[in-house]
Protein backbone atom coordinates (compact mmCIF):
# COMPACT_ATOMS: atom_id res chain seq x y z
CA UNK A 1 -29.92 26.92 -11.68
CA UNK A 2 -26.89 25.01 -13.13
CA UNK A 3 -26.53 24.95 -17.06
CA UNK A 4 -25.75 21.35 -17.46
CA UNK A 5 -24.29 21.95 -21.03
CA UNK A 6 -21.54 23.76 -18.98
CA UNK A 7 -20.21 21.72 -16.79
CA UNK A 8 -17.04 19.96 -17.81
CA UNK A 9 -17.57 16.31 -19.16
CA UNK A 10 -15.23 13.83 -17.44
CA UNK A 11 -12.20 12.90 -19.36
CA UNK A 12 -12.36 9.58 -20.88
CA UNK A 13 -10.69 6.63 -19.00
CA UNK A 14 -7.77 5.32 -20.91
CA UNK A 15 -7.03 2.00 -21.27
CA UNK A 16 -3.90 2.56 -19.22
CA UNK A 17 -6.18 3.31 -15.86
CA UNK A 18 -7.92 -0.01 -16.19
CA UNK A 19 -4.59 -2.03 -16.66
CA UNK A 20 -2.77 0.03 -13.87
CA UNK A 21 -5.90 -0.38 -11.67
CA UNK A 22 -6.04 -3.93 -11.96
CA UNK A 23 -2.12 -4.48 -11.52
CA UNK A 24 -2.47 -2.33 -8.32
CA UNK A 25 -5.35 -3.96 -6.92
CA UNK A 26 -3.72 -7.29 -7.22
CA UNK A 27 -0.43 -6.38 -6.03
CA UNK A 28 -1.85 -4.41 -3.09
CA UNK A 29 -4.35 -7.30 -2.27
CA UNK A 30 -1.20 -9.52 -1.36
CA UNK A 31 -0.38 -6.81 1.49
CA UNK A 32 -3.49 -7.44 2.80
CA UNK A 33 -3.21 -11.07 2.80
CA UNK A 34 0.08 -10.65 4.60
CA UNK A 35 -1.27 -8.44 7.21
CA UNK A 36 -4.61 -10.40 7.98
CA UNK A 37 -2.45 -13.82 8.11
CA UNK A 38 0.17 -12.20 10.58
CA UNK A 39 -2.94 -11.28 12.45
CA UNK A 40 -5.02 -14.35 12.30
CA UNK A 41 -2.12 -16.94 12.27
CA UNK A 42 1.23 -15.16 13.49
CA UNK A 43 3.45 -18.15 14.26
CA UNK A 44 2.45 -20.40 11.41
CA UNK A 45 1.98 -18.07 8.53
CA UNK A 46 5.60 -16.27 8.99
CA UNK A 47 7.03 -19.84 9.49
CA UNK A 48 5.53 -20.96 6.29
CA UNK A 49 6.97 -17.67 4.47
CA UNK A 50 10.32 -19.02 5.72
CA UNK A 51 10.75 -17.09 8.77
CA UNK A 52 12.88 -18.45 11.77
CA UNK A 53 12.14 -18.24 15.29
CA UNK A 54 13.67 -14.75 16.06
CA UNK A 55 12.06 -12.90 12.98
CA UNK A 56 8.54 -14.33 14.19
CA UNK A 57 9.11 -13.35 17.77
CA UNK A 58 10.54 -9.72 16.80
CA UNK A 59 7.17 -9.16 14.75
CA UNK A 60 4.96 -10.41 17.56
CA UNK A 61 6.63 -7.95 20.08
CA UNK A 62 5.89 -4.90 17.67
CA UNK A 63 3.61 -2.09 19.74
CA UNK A 64 -0.11 -1.73 18.96
CA UNK A 65 0.46 1.53 17.55
CA UNK A 66 3.06 0.54 15.11
CA UNK A 67 -0.11 -1.99 13.68
CA UNK A 68 -2.07 0.74 13.13
CA UNK A 69 0.35 2.30 10.68
CA UNK A 70 1.15 -0.83 8.90
CA UNK A 71 -2.99 -1.38 8.39
CA UNK A 72 -2.77 2.20 6.98
CA UNK A 73 -0.30 1.24 4.72
CA UNK A 74 -1.89 -1.96 3.34
CA UNK A 75 -5.38 -0.95 3.35
CA UNK A 76 -4.96 2.42 2.14
CA UNK A 77 -2.94 1.12 -0.82
CA UNK A 78 -6.27 -1.42 -1.42
CA UNK A 79 -8.80 1.63 -0.98
CA UNK A 80 -6.39 3.81 -3.16
CA UNK A 81 -6.37 0.69 -5.78
CA UNK A 82 -10.46 0.23 -5.62
CA UNK A 83 -11.13 4.32 -5.82
CA UNK A 84 -8.62 4.35 -9.08
CA UNK A 85 -10.71 1.82 -10.60
CA UNK A 86 -14.00 3.45 -9.62
CA UNK A 87 -12.24 6.82 -11.01
CA UNK A 88 -12.65 8.51 -8.04
CA UNK A 89 -10.13 11.56 -7.05
CA UNK A 90 -9.97 10.27 -3.03
CA UNK A 91 -7.64 7.77 -4.61
CA UNK A 92 -4.95 10.20 -4.33
CA UNK A 93 -5.65 10.83 -0.60
CA UNK A 94 -5.92 6.86 -0.60
CA UNK A 95 -2.74 6.31 -1.82
CA UNK A 96 -1.13 9.35 0.45
CA UNK A 97 -2.23 7.87 3.58
CA UNK A 98 -1.05 4.36 2.38
CA UNK A 99 2.54 6.30 2.27
CA UNK A 100 2.18 7.75 5.62
CA UNK A 101 1.47 4.23 6.96
CA UNK A 102 4.46 2.50 5.11
CA UNK A 103 6.96 5.79 6.05
CA UNK A 104 6.49 5.41 9.74
CA UNK A 105 6.44 1.37 9.55
CA UNK A 106 9.51 1.68 7.78
CA UNK A 107 11.26 4.22 9.98
CA UNK A 108 10.17 2.24 13.03
CA UNK A 109 11.59 -0.99 11.65
CA UNK A 110 15.05 0.38 10.31
CA UNK A 111 15.59 2.41 13.23
CA UNK A 112 15.31 -0.35 15.95
CA UNK A 113 17.97 -2.00 17.15
CA UNK A 114 16.00 -5.07 18.00
CA UNK A 115 15.47 -6.02 14.53
CA UNK A 116 17.07 -9.25 13.50
CA UNK A 117 19.99 -8.94 11.22
CA UNK A 118 18.39 -11.45 8.97
CA UNK A 119 15.59 -8.88 8.07
CA UNK A 120 18.22 -6.66 7.17
CA UNK A 121 19.28 -8.60 4.18
CA UNK A 122 19.45 -8.29 0.48
CA UNK A 123 16.05 -10.04 -0.05
CA UNK A 124 14.37 -7.78 2.44
CA UNK A 125 16.13 -4.68 0.95
CA UNK A 126 15.11 -5.60 -2.61
CA UNK A 127 11.61 -6.22 -1.29
CA UNK A 128 11.28 -3.14 0.76
CA UNK A 129 12.62 -0.88 -2.75
CA UNK A 130 9.54 -2.80 -4.62
CA UNK A 131 7.11 -2.01 -2.14
CA UNK A 132 8.56 2.24 -1.84
CA UNK A 133 8.53 2.07 -5.58
CA UNK A 134 5.08 0.80 -6.64
CA UNK A 135 3.42 2.99 -4.02
CA UNK A 136 5.39 5.95 -5.22
CA UNK A 137 4.20 5.07 -8.84
CA UNK A 138 0.83 4.42 -7.89
CA UNK A 139 0.42 7.83 -6.23
CA UNK A 140 1.77 9.69 -8.86
CA UNK A 141 -0.35 7.85 -11.44
CA UNK A 142 -3.43 8.51 -9.48
CA UNK A 143 -2.34 12.51 -9.19
CA UNK A 144 -1.75 12.47 -12.83
CA UNK A 145 -4.98 11.21 -13.53
CA UNK A 146 -6.72 13.42 -11.39
CA UNK A 147 -4.98 16.25 -13.11
CA UNK A 148 -6.03 15.39 -16.27
CA UNK A 149 -9.55 15.27 -14.99
CA UNK A 150 -9.92 11.24 -15.42
CA UNK A 151 -10.46 10.79 -11.74
CA UNK A 152 -13.85 12.79 -10.58
């Protein structure tokens, strides 16, 4: 029988866990809204976001398998955010799955010669950089909290 007194207690959750967790949840929720709206009303939503006909046609022509990786990216990040707030060590795996989805999606898009030049511009590159930086930060942070014993 296990002695409950010898079981190490989980580290107390620092205030920054809640701050990072809520910011992560809000940030990653936008990716899920974007994914969902692109699937429910592709032309209307993308045009409302300022995309022209070439960009809308390009996104609608993407292969189905790529949509799976996009879904892994956005929903994995949302799951990671929720798991982080629940103090679950599985947040690390969820953010890692999200990173895989992002990497595959980005590699495809930026090596696809059919991608319109307007989608390779400065604003798109800045947004891509922000997405990468935020996801890498959330993965690093969850890993640090797991190593510190905050995530169980």
